[in-house]
Structures are given as C-alpha cells and as structure tokens.
Amino acid sequence: MSAPAHPTLHVAVQIDRQRQPNRWEDWRFRIADVALDEGQFGTQPRLLRDDGHSASFLHPGLPVTLFADECEGYYLNLSSGAPVWFVMWRIDEADPARAWPECVTLSYHEAGRLLDAQERVDNLPLPAAVRDWLQAFNDAHYHPEPKQRRRPASFRAPGER
C-alpha cells in the first residue's frame, strides 16, 4: 500500500473569548490551543466553559493537508527554530460575540498569503510529533531550486541585456 498523495491530519482549535477586556473592545478573542483530533472531540463546535466574563469554545475536525508544492513554505516553518500551526480565523460580523477557525496550515507561504488578504492569522507552537511528521514529508518532497549565478549586465552582449 502506498502513502497517500496528500497526507492529512485533523485538529481541534480552542478559541477563548473575553467580554469587555477594556473600554474600547466589547469582545476579545484568542486562539488558545490546537490539538490533534482523532474523533474524540465529536464533529460539532461546542462551548467548553462560560462564566459570563470569559468563555472557551472547541472547533473540531479541521483538516491539515500537506501538498508537495507548498514544501518551501513548510521548510521555512521548520527552519524557523520554533515551528508553529498557523490558524486563520474570523469574527461573525452579524454577531461579534462569535468567532471560529476557518483553516489551519503548516505553510509559512500560505499563512503569508492569508495575511496579505487581510485575514486574521495566529500561530501556536507545533508539537514534536507533528513537527516530525511534517519534516518526514518535507524530506521526501522538498527539492530546493539550485542557485544560479547571474552575470552582471556589463558582461552580457548588448542584445542579451
């Protein structure tokens, strides 16, 4: 049996919400945790706790899929010294007391594209087991482009400049 073309794992994201953390904000959200989800969290988002001032919500079943054409982004994440999950999340415009994660990625490049698109992206440390899984995939699929020396324009023929 061969390895899947696009290895995938599933995660659950915990989002914490705080009511009126200061006089300028009605709500503040933060990504509190990303945990491996092997089905133990169910399939629907749920409230973990709510004391009236702060609350925690769990959003299970988010896929994290690896693609060979994203390997440079994985490499940059792995070589940063502190690899992370990148979590893109949104706040409901109709109900600003509600937020949810949209996607989770391990690619530095994909996270950058999301940030360029004005999305909210937070990161959390990557566990060693997931780092090793990502490293094994990257070792098998990442082949950096060889560096090519460019000749200064003054050494090229006028028609090649």
N, C-alpha and C. Protein backbone atom coordinates (compact mmCIF):
# COMPACT_ATOMS: atom_id res chain seq x y z
N MET A 1 0.85 -1.19 0.00
CA MET A 1 0.00 0.00 0.00
C MET A 1 0.89 1.24 0.00
N SER A 2 0.62 2.18 -0.88
CA SER A 2 1.46 3.38 -0.98
C SER A 2 0.94 4.47 -0.04
N ALA A 3 1.82 5.42 0.24
CA ALA A 3 1.45 6.55 1.10
C ALA A 3 0.46 7.44 0.35
N PRO A 4 -0.47 8.08 1.07
CA PRO A 4 -1.42 8.96 0.38
C PRO A 4 -0.69 10.14 -0.28
N ALA A 5 -1.24 10.59 -1.42
CA ALA A 5 -0.63 11.69 -2.16
C ALA A 5 -0.63 12.97 -1.34
N HIS A 6 -1.67 13.17 -0.56
CA HIS A 6 -1.79 14.37 0.27
C HIS A 6 -2.09 13.94 1.71
N PRO A 7 -1.05 13.69 2.50
CA PRO A 7 -1.29 13.27 3.89
C PRO A 7 -2.09 14.34 4.63
N THR A 8 -3.03 13.88 5.44
CA THR A 8 -3.91 14.79 6.18
C THR A 8 -4.03 14.33 7.61
N LEU A 9 -4.04 15.29 8.51
CA LEU A 9 -4.44 15.01 9.89
C LEU A 9 -5.52 16.01 10.25
N HIS A 10 -6.25 15.73 11.31
CA HIS A 10 -7.33 16.62 11.74
C HIS A 10 -6.98 17.21 13.09
N VAL A 11 -7.41 18.45 13.29
CA VAL A 11 -7.14 19.14 14.54
C VAL A 11 -8.41 19.77 15.08
N ALA A 12 -8.37 20.07 16.37
CA ALA A 12 -9.43 20.83 17.03
C ALA A 12 -8.79 22.12 17.53
N VAL A 13 -9.47 23.23 17.31
CA VAL A 13 -8.95 24.54 17.71
C VAL A 13 -9.81 25.08 18.85
N GLN A 14 -9.14 25.50 19.91
CA GLN A 14 -9.84 26.13 21.03
C GLN A 14 -9.68 27.64 20.92
N ILE A 15 -10.82 28.34 20.95
CA ILE A 15 -10.83 29.80 20.91
C ILE A 15 -11.39 30.30 22.24
N ASP A 16 -10.66 31.19 22.88
CA ASP A 16 -11.11 31.82 24.12
C ASP A 16 -11.69 33.19 23.80
N ARG A 17 -12.77 33.53 24.51
CA ARG A 17 -13.42 34.82 24.32
C ARG A 17 -13.51 35.53 25.67
N GLN A 18 -13.21 36.81 25.67
CA GLN A 18 -13.28 37.61 26.89
C GLN A 18 -14.23 38.78 26.64
N ARG A 19 -15.13 39.02 27.60
CA ARG A 19 -16.10 40.12 27.48
C ARG A 19 -15.47 41.42 27.99
N GLN A 20 -15.59 42.48 27.22
CA GLN A 20 -15.12 43.82 27.54
C GLN A 20 -13.76 43.83 28.27
N PRO A 21 -12.70 43.40 27.57
CA PRO A 21 -11.38 43.39 28.19
C PRO A 21 -10.87 44.81 28.50
N ASN A 22 -11.42 45.80 27.81
CA ASN A 22 -11.11 47.21 28.08
C ASN A 22 -12.28 48.05 27.58
N ARG A 23 -12.21 49.33 27.76
CA ARG A 23 -13.36 50.17 27.39
C ARG A 23 -13.53 50.35 25.88
N TRP A 24 -12.57 49.96 25.08
CA TRP A 24 -12.65 50.11 23.63
C TRP A 24 -13.14 48.86 22.92
N GLU A 25 -13.11 47.73 23.59
CA GLU A 25 -13.49 46.46 22.96
C GLU A 25 -14.68 45.83 23.70
N ASP A 26 -15.66 45.34 22.93
CA ASP A 26 -16.74 44.58 23.55
C ASP A 26 -16.31 43.13 23.78
N TRP A 27 -15.53 42.60 22.83
CA TRP A 27 -15.08 41.20 22.92
C TRP A 27 -13.62 41.12 22.46
N ARG A 28 -12.89 40.19 23.05
CA ARG A 28 -11.53 39.88 22.59
C ARG A 28 -11.44 38.36 22.46
N PHE A 29 -10.86 37.93 21.35
CA PHE A 29 -10.69 36.50 21.09
C PHE A 29 -9.21 36.18 20.99
N ARG A 30 -8.87 34.94 21.32
CA ARG A 30 -7.51 34.46 21.09
C ARG A 30 -7.56 32.97 20.81
N ILE A 31 -6.65 32.52 19.96
CA ILE A 31 -6.51 31.09 19.71
C ILE A 31 -5.73 30.53 20.89
N ALA A 32 -6.36 29.66 21.66
CA ALA A 32 -5.76 29.16 22.90
C ALA A 32 -5.01 27.86 22.71
N ASP A 33 -5.47 26.99 21.78
CA ASP A 33 -4.84 25.69 21.65
C ASP A 33 -5.22 25.07 20.31
N VAL A 34 -4.31 24.25 19.80
CA VAL A 34 -4.57 23.39 18.64
C VAL A 34 -4.18 21.99 19.07
N ALA A 35 -5.13 21.06 19.02
CA ALA A 35 -4.90 19.68 19.47
C ALA A 35 -5.21 18.72 18.34
N LEU A 36 -4.45 17.62 18.29
CA LEU A 36 -4.74 16.58 17.31
C LEU A 36 -6.12 16.01 17.60
N ASP A 37 -6.90 15.82 16.56
CA ASP A 37 -8.29 15.35 16.69
C ASP A 37 -8.42 14.02 15.96
N GLU A 38 -8.57 12.97 16.74
CA GLU A 38 -8.76 11.63 16.16
C GLU A 38 -10.21 11.18 16.35
N GLY A 39 -11.11 12.15 16.42
CA GLY A 39 -12.53 11.85 16.58
C GLY A 39 -13.03 11.98 18.00
N GLN A 40 -12.14 12.18 18.95
CA GLN A 40 -12.53 12.23 20.36
C GLN A 40 -13.30 13.49 20.73
N PHE A 41 -13.30 14.51 19.87
CA PHE A 41 -13.96 15.78 20.19
C PHE A 41 -15.33 15.91 19.53
N GLY A 42 -15.76 14.89 18.81
CA GLY A 42 -17.04 14.97 18.10
C GLY A 42 -16.88 15.69 16.78
N THR A 43 -18.01 16.13 16.23
CA THR A 43 -17.97 16.76 14.91
C THR A 43 -18.47 18.19 14.92
N GLN A 44 -19.11 18.63 16.00
CA GLN A 44 -19.69 19.96 16.05
C GLN A 44 -18.94 20.86 17.03
N PRO A 45 -18.84 22.15 16.72
CA PRO A 45 -18.25 23.09 17.68
C PRO A 45 -19.08 23.09 18.97
N ARG A 46 -18.38 23.31 20.09
CA ARG A 46 -19.12 23.31 21.36
C ARG A 46 -18.48 24.26 22.36
N LEU A 47 -19.31 24.69 23.28
CA LEU A 47 -18.89 25.53 24.38
C LEU A 47 -18.25 24.65 25.45
N LEU A 48 -17.02 25.01 25.86
CA LEU A 48 -16.35 24.25 26.92
C LEU A 48 -16.66 24.82 28.29
N ARG A 49 -16.65 26.15 28.38
CA ARG A 49 -16.99 26.81 29.64
C ARG A 49 -17.38 28.25 29.35
N ASP A 50 -18.21 28.80 30.25
CA ASP A 50 -18.62 30.20 30.14
C ASP A 50 -19.01 30.69 31.52
N ASP A 51 -18.24 31.64 32.06
CA ASP A 51 -18.55 32.16 33.40
C ASP A 51 -19.19 33.56 33.32
N GLY A 52 -19.60 33.96 32.14
CA GLY A 52 -20.20 35.27 31.96
C GLY A 52 -19.20 36.34 31.55
N HIS A 53 -17.95 36.16 31.93
CA HIS A 53 -16.90 37.11 31.55
C HIS A 53 -15.97 36.52 30.48
N SER A 54 -15.62 35.26 30.64
CA SER A 54 -14.78 34.60 29.65
C SER A 54 -15.38 33.24 29.30
N ALA A 55 -15.11 32.82 28.07
CA ALA A 55 -15.65 31.56 27.58
C ALA A 55 -14.61 30.90 26.69
N SER A 56 -14.73 29.58 26.57
CA SER A 56 -13.86 28.80 25.67
C SER A 56 -14.74 27.93 24.78
N PHE A 57 -14.37 27.90 23.49
CA PHE A 57 -15.11 27.12 22.51
C PHE A 57 -14.14 26.18 21.80
N LEU A 58 -14.60 24.97 21.49
CA LEU A 58 -13.78 23.99 20.79
C LEU A 58 -14.39 23.74 19.42
N HIS A 59 -13.55 23.84 18.39
CA HIS A 59 -13.96 23.63 17.00
C HIS A 59 -13.18 22.43 16.45
N PRO A 60 -13.81 21.24 16.43
CA PRO A 60 -13.10 20.03 15.99
C PRO A 60 -13.16 19.80 14.48
N GLY A 61 -12.34 18.85 14.03
CA GLY A 61 -12.44 18.34 12.66
C GLY A 61 -11.83 19.16 11.56
N LEU A 62 -10.95 20.10 11.88
CA LEU A 62 -10.32 20.90 10.82
C LEU A 62 -9.18 20.11 10.19
N PRO A 63 -9.19 19.94 8.87
CA PRO A 63 -8.12 19.18 8.22
C PRO A 63 -6.85 20.01 8.04
N VAL A 64 -5.72 19.35 8.18
CA VAL A 64 -4.42 19.94 7.86
C VAL A 64 -3.82 18.99 6.81
N THR A 65 -3.80 19.45 5.56
CA THR A 65 -3.36 18.62 4.44
C THR A 65 -2.04 19.14 3.91
N LEU A 66 -1.13 18.21 3.61
CA LEU A 66 0.17 18.58 3.07
C LEU A 66 0.18 18.43 1.55
N PHE A 67 0.80 19.40 0.88
CA PHE A 67 0.90 19.40 -0.58
C PHE A 67 2.36 19.60 -0.96
N ALA A 68 2.83 18.85 -1.94
CA ALA A 68 4.23 18.92 -2.35
C ALA A 68 4.62 20.31 -2.85
N ASP A 69 3.68 21.04 -3.47
CA ASP A 69 4.03 22.37 -3.98
C ASP A 69 4.10 23.44 -2.89
N GLU A 70 3.81 23.07 -1.65
CA GLU A 70 3.94 24.00 -0.53
C GLU A 70 5.19 23.71 0.31
N CYS A 71 6.05 22.82 -0.17
CA CYS A 71 7.20 22.38 0.64
C CYS A 71 8.14 23.51 1.03
N GLU A 72 8.32 24.49 0.18
CA GLU A 72 9.19 25.59 0.58
C GLU A 72 8.63 26.33 1.79
N GLY A 73 7.30 26.49 1.82
CA GLY A 73 6.65 27.10 2.98
C GLY A 73 6.79 26.26 4.23
N TYR A 74 6.69 24.92 4.09
CA TYR A 74 6.90 24.03 5.23
C TYR A 74 8.35 24.12 5.70
N TYR A 75 9.27 24.17 4.74
CA TYR A 75 10.68 24.28 5.08
C TYR A 75 10.96 25.55 5.89
N LEU A 76 10.38 26.67 5.47
CA LEU A 76 10.58 27.92 6.20
C LEU A 76 10.01 27.83 7.62
N ASN A 77 8.88 27.18 7.78
CA ASN A 77 8.29 26.99 9.11
C ASN A 77 9.21 26.11 9.96
N LEU A 78 9.65 24.99 9.40
CA LEU A 78 10.51 24.05 10.14
C LEU A 78 11.86 24.66 10.49
N SER A 79 12.43 25.47 9.60
CA SER A 79 13.77 26.01 9.83
C SER A 79 13.75 27.30 10.66
N SER A 80 12.58 27.74 11.08
CA SER A 80 12.47 28.98 11.86
C SER A 80 13.04 28.84 13.27
N GLY A 81 13.21 27.61 13.73
CA GLY A 81 13.67 27.39 15.10
C GLY A 81 12.53 27.15 16.06
N ALA A 82 11.33 27.58 15.69
CA ALA A 82 10.14 27.38 16.52
C ALA A 82 8.94 27.14 15.59
N PRO A 83 8.81 25.93 15.02
CA PRO A 83 7.71 25.66 14.08
C PRO A 83 6.34 25.85 14.76
N VAL A 84 5.37 26.28 13.96
CA VAL A 84 4.05 26.61 14.50
C VAL A 84 2.92 26.11 13.61
N TRP A 85 1.72 26.02 14.22
CA TRP A 85 0.47 25.93 13.48
C TRP A 85 0.11 27.36 13.09
N PHE A 86 -0.41 27.57 11.90
CA PHE A 86 -0.97 28.86 11.52
C PHE A 86 -2.48 28.67 11.44
N VAL A 87 -3.22 29.43 12.24
CA VAL A 87 -4.68 29.31 12.31
C VAL A 87 -5.31 30.59 11.76
N MET A 88 -6.08 30.44 10.68
CA MET A 88 -6.84 31.57 10.13
C MET A 88 -8.24 31.49 10.71
N TRP A 89 -8.69 32.62 11.30
CA TRP A 89 -9.99 32.63 11.97
C TRP A 89 -10.74 33.91 11.66
N ARG A 90 -12.04 33.87 11.88
CA ARG A 90 -12.90 35.01 11.57
C ARG A 90 -13.85 35.31 12.72
N ILE A 91 -14.31 36.56 12.75
CA ILE A 91 -15.34 37.01 13.69
C ILE A 91 -16.61 37.24 12.88
N ASP A 92 -17.73 36.78 13.40
CA ASP A 92 -19.03 36.95 12.75
C ASP A 92 -19.43 38.43 12.77
N GLU A 93 -19.62 39.03 11.59
CA GLU A 93 -19.99 40.44 11.51
C GLU A 93 -21.39 40.69 12.08
N ALA A 94 -22.30 39.73 11.93
CA ALA A 94 -23.66 39.89 12.44
C ALA A 94 -23.73 39.67 13.96
N ASP A 95 -22.83 38.84 14.48
CA ASP A 95 -22.80 38.55 15.92
C ASP A 95 -21.34 38.62 16.39
N PRO A 96 -20.85 39.81 16.78
CA PRO A 96 -19.43 39.96 17.12
C PRO A 96 -18.99 39.21 18.38
N ALA A 97 -19.91 38.49 19.02
CA ALA A 97 -19.54 37.65 20.16
C ALA A 97 -19.19 36.23 19.70
N ARG A 98 -19.16 36.00 18.39
CA ARG A 98 -18.90 34.67 17.85
C ARG A 98 -17.70 34.72 16.90
N ALA A 99 -16.78 33.77 17.09
CA ALA A 99 -15.61 33.63 16.21
C ALA A 99 -15.39 32.15 15.95
N TRP A 100 -14.73 31.84 14.84
CA TRP A 100 -14.46 30.45 14.51
C TRP A 100 -13.21 30.35 13.65
N PRO A 101 -12.53 29.20 13.71
CA PRO A 101 -11.37 28.99 12.82
C PRO A 101 -11.85 28.56 11.44
N GLU A 102 -11.24 29.10 10.42
CA GLU A 102 -11.57 28.75 9.03
C GLU A 102 -10.66 27.64 8.54
N CYS A 103 -9.35 27.77 8.81
CA CYS A 103 -8.40 26.75 8.34
C CYS A 103 -7.14 26.77 9.19
N VAL A 104 -6.42 25.67 9.12
CA VAL A 104 -5.14 25.52 9.81
C VAL A 104 -4.14 25.04 8.77
N THR A 105 -2.96 25.66 8.77
CA THR A 105 -1.93 25.26 7.82
C THR A 105 -0.58 25.20 8.52
N LEU A 106 0.36 24.55 7.88
CA LEU A 106 1.74 24.48 8.37
C LEU A 106 2.70 25.22 7.45
N SER A 107 2.16 25.84 6.40
CA SER A 107 2.98 26.51 5.40
C SER A 107 3.14 28.00 5.72
N TYR A 108 4.37 28.43 5.82
CA TYR A 108 4.69 29.83 6.04
C TYR A 108 4.16 30.67 4.87
N HIS A 109 4.29 30.15 3.65
CA HIS A 109 3.82 30.88 2.47
C HIS A 109 2.30 31.03 2.45
N GLU A 110 1.59 29.96 2.78
CA GLU A 110 0.13 30.03 2.80
C GLU A 110 -0.34 31.02 3.86
N ALA A 111 0.29 31.00 5.03
CA ALA A 111 -0.05 31.96 6.08
C ALA A 111 0.20 33.39 5.59
N GLY A 112 1.29 33.60 4.88
CA GLY A 112 1.58 34.92 4.34
C GLY A 112 0.55 35.37 3.33
N ARG A 113 0.08 34.45 2.48
CA ARG A 113 -0.97 34.80 1.51
C ARG A 113 -2.25 35.19 2.23
N LEU A 114 -2.58 34.47 3.29
CA LEU A 114 -3.78 34.80 4.06
C LEU A 114 -3.65 36.17 4.71
N LEU A 115 -2.49 36.47 5.27
CA LEU A 115 -2.27 37.78 5.88
C LEU A 115 -2.33 38.89 4.82
N ASP A 116 -1.77 38.62 3.64
CA ASP A 116 -1.85 39.60 2.55
C ASP A 116 -3.29 39.88 2.15
N ALA A 117 -4.17 38.89 2.34
CA ALA A 117 -5.59 39.04 2.02
C ALA A 117 -6.37 39.65 3.19
N GLN A 118 -5.64 40.18 4.18
CA GLN A 118 -6.24 40.85 5.34
C GLN A 118 -7.01 39.91 6.26
N GLU A 119 -6.66 38.62 6.27
CA GLU A 119 -7.29 37.66 7.18
C GLU A 119 -6.56 37.69 8.52
N ARG A 120 -7.25 37.21 9.56
CA ARG A 120 -6.63 37.07 10.88
C ARG A 120 -5.91 35.72 10.91
N VAL A 121 -4.63 35.73 11.21
CA VAL A 121 -3.85 34.50 11.31
C VAL A 121 -3.03 34.58 12.59
N ASP A 122 -3.24 33.61 13.46
CA ASP A 122 -2.45 33.49 14.69
C ASP A 122 -1.67 32.19 14.61
N ASN A 123 -0.66 32.08 15.45
CA ASN A 123 0.11 30.85 15.45
C ASN A 123 0.31 30.34 16.87
N LEU A 124 0.49 29.03 16.95
CA LEU A 124 0.77 28.34 18.22
C LEU A 124 1.85 27.31 17.97
N PRO A 125 2.66 27.02 18.99
CA PRO A 125 3.77 26.07 18.81
C PRO A 125 3.29 24.70 18.32
N LEU A 126 4.12 24.11 17.48
CA LEU A 126 3.84 22.80 16.89
C LEU A 126 4.39 21.70 17.80
N PRO A 127 3.58 20.68 18.14
CA PRO A 127 4.10 19.58 18.96
C PRO A 127 5.18 18.79 18.20
N ALA A 128 6.06 18.15 18.95
CA ALA A 128 7.18 17.43 18.35
C ALA A 128 6.72 16.35 17.37
N ALA A 129 5.65 15.63 17.69
CA ALA A 129 5.19 14.55 16.81
C ALA A 129 4.74 15.10 15.46
N VAL A 130 4.06 16.23 15.45
CA VAL A 130 3.60 16.83 14.19
C VAL A 130 4.79 17.42 13.45
N ARG A 131 5.73 18.02 14.17
CA ARG A 131 6.94 18.54 13.54
C ARG A 131 7.69 17.41 12.82
N ASP A 132 7.80 16.25 13.47
CA ASP A 132 8.49 15.11 12.85
C ASP A 132 7.74 14.61 11.62
N TRP A 133 6.40 14.59 11.67
CA TRP A 133 5.56 14.19 10.54
C TRP A 133 5.78 15.14 9.36
N LEU A 134 5.77 16.44 9.66
CA LEU A 134 5.99 17.45 8.62
C LEU A 134 7.41 17.35 8.05
N GLN A 135 8.38 17.13 8.92
CA GLN A 135 9.78 17.01 8.47
C GLN A 135 9.95 15.82 7.54
N ALA A 136 9.33 14.69 7.87
CA ALA A 136 9.43 13.49 7.02
C ALA A 136 8.82 13.77 5.65
N PHE A 137 7.67 14.44 5.60
CA PHE A 137 7.05 14.78 4.32
C PHE A 137 7.95 15.73 3.53
N ASN A 138 8.49 16.72 4.21
CA ASN A 138 9.33 17.70 3.53
C ASN A 138 10.62 17.07 3.02
N ASP A 139 11.21 16.18 3.81
CA ASP A 139 12.43 15.48 3.37
C ASP A 139 12.18 14.69 2.10
N ALA A 140 10.98 14.10 1.98
CA ALA A 140 10.66 13.29 0.81
C ALA A 140 10.30 14.12 -0.43
N HIS A 141 9.79 15.35 -0.22
CA HIS A 141 9.26 16.10 -1.36
C HIS A 141 9.93 17.43 -1.66
N TYR A 142 10.73 17.96 -0.76
CA TYR A 142 11.30 19.29 -0.99
C TYR A 142 12.66 19.19 -1.67
N HIS A 143 12.75 19.80 -2.82
CA HIS A 143 14.00 19.86 -3.59
C HIS A 143 14.23 21.31 -3.95
N PRO A 144 15.05 22.03 -3.17
CA PRO A 144 15.25 23.45 -3.44
C PRO A 144 15.81 23.69 -4.83
N GLU A 145 15.40 24.79 -5.40
CA GLU A 145 15.92 25.19 -6.70
C GLU A 145 17.41 25.49 -6.55
N PRO A 146 18.24 24.98 -7.45
CA PRO A 146 19.67 25.30 -7.35
C PRO A 146 19.90 26.78 -7.62
N LYS A 147 20.77 27.37 -6.86
CA LYS A 147 21.10 28.78 -7.03
C LYS A 147 21.91 28.93 -8.32
N GLN A 148 21.55 29.90 -9.12
CA GLN A 148 22.28 30.15 -10.36
C GLN A 148 22.89 31.55 -10.28
N ARG A 149 24.14 31.61 -10.60
CA ARG A 149 24.84 32.88 -10.56
C ARG A 149 24.40 33.71 -11.76
N ARG A 150 24.07 34.94 -11.51
CA ARG A 150 23.70 35.85 -12.59
C ARG A 150 24.91 36.65 -13.02
N ARG A 151 25.11 36.69 -14.28
CA ARG A 151 26.20 37.52 -14.80
C ARG A 151 25.76 38.97 -14.78
N PRO A 152 26.63 39.85 -14.33
CA PRO A 152 26.30 41.28 -14.37
C PRO A 152 26.00 41.70 -15.80
N ALA A 153 25.10 42.65 -15.95
CA ALA A 153 24.68 43.10 -17.28
C ALA A 153 25.86 43.61 -18.11
N SER A 154 26.87 44.14 -17.45
CA SER A 154 28.01 44.68 -18.20
C SER A 154 28.82 43.59 -18.90
N PHE A 155 28.65 42.31 -18.48
CA PHE A 155 29.37 41.21 -19.11
C PHE A 155 28.55 40.53 -20.19
N ARG A 156 27.31 40.95 -20.40
CA ARG A 156 26.47 40.34 -21.43
C ARG A 156 26.53 41.18 -22.70
N ALA A 157 26.30 40.50 -23.78
CA ALA A 157 26.22 41.19 -25.07
C ALA A 157 25.05 42.15 -25.06
N PRO A 158 25.13 43.26 -25.77
CA PRO A 158 24.04 44.25 -25.76
C PRO A 158 22.67 43.67 -26.09
N GLY A 159 22.59 42.67 -26.94
CA GLY A 159 21.31 42.06 -27.31
C GLY A 159 20.73 41.17 -26.20
N GLU A 160 21.54 40.79 -25.21
CA GLU A 160 21.08 39.91 -24.12
C GLU A 160 20.67 40.67 -22.87
N ARG A 161 20.85 41.98 -22.85
CA ARG A 161 20.58 42.78 -21.65
C ARG A 161 19.12 43.06 -21.45
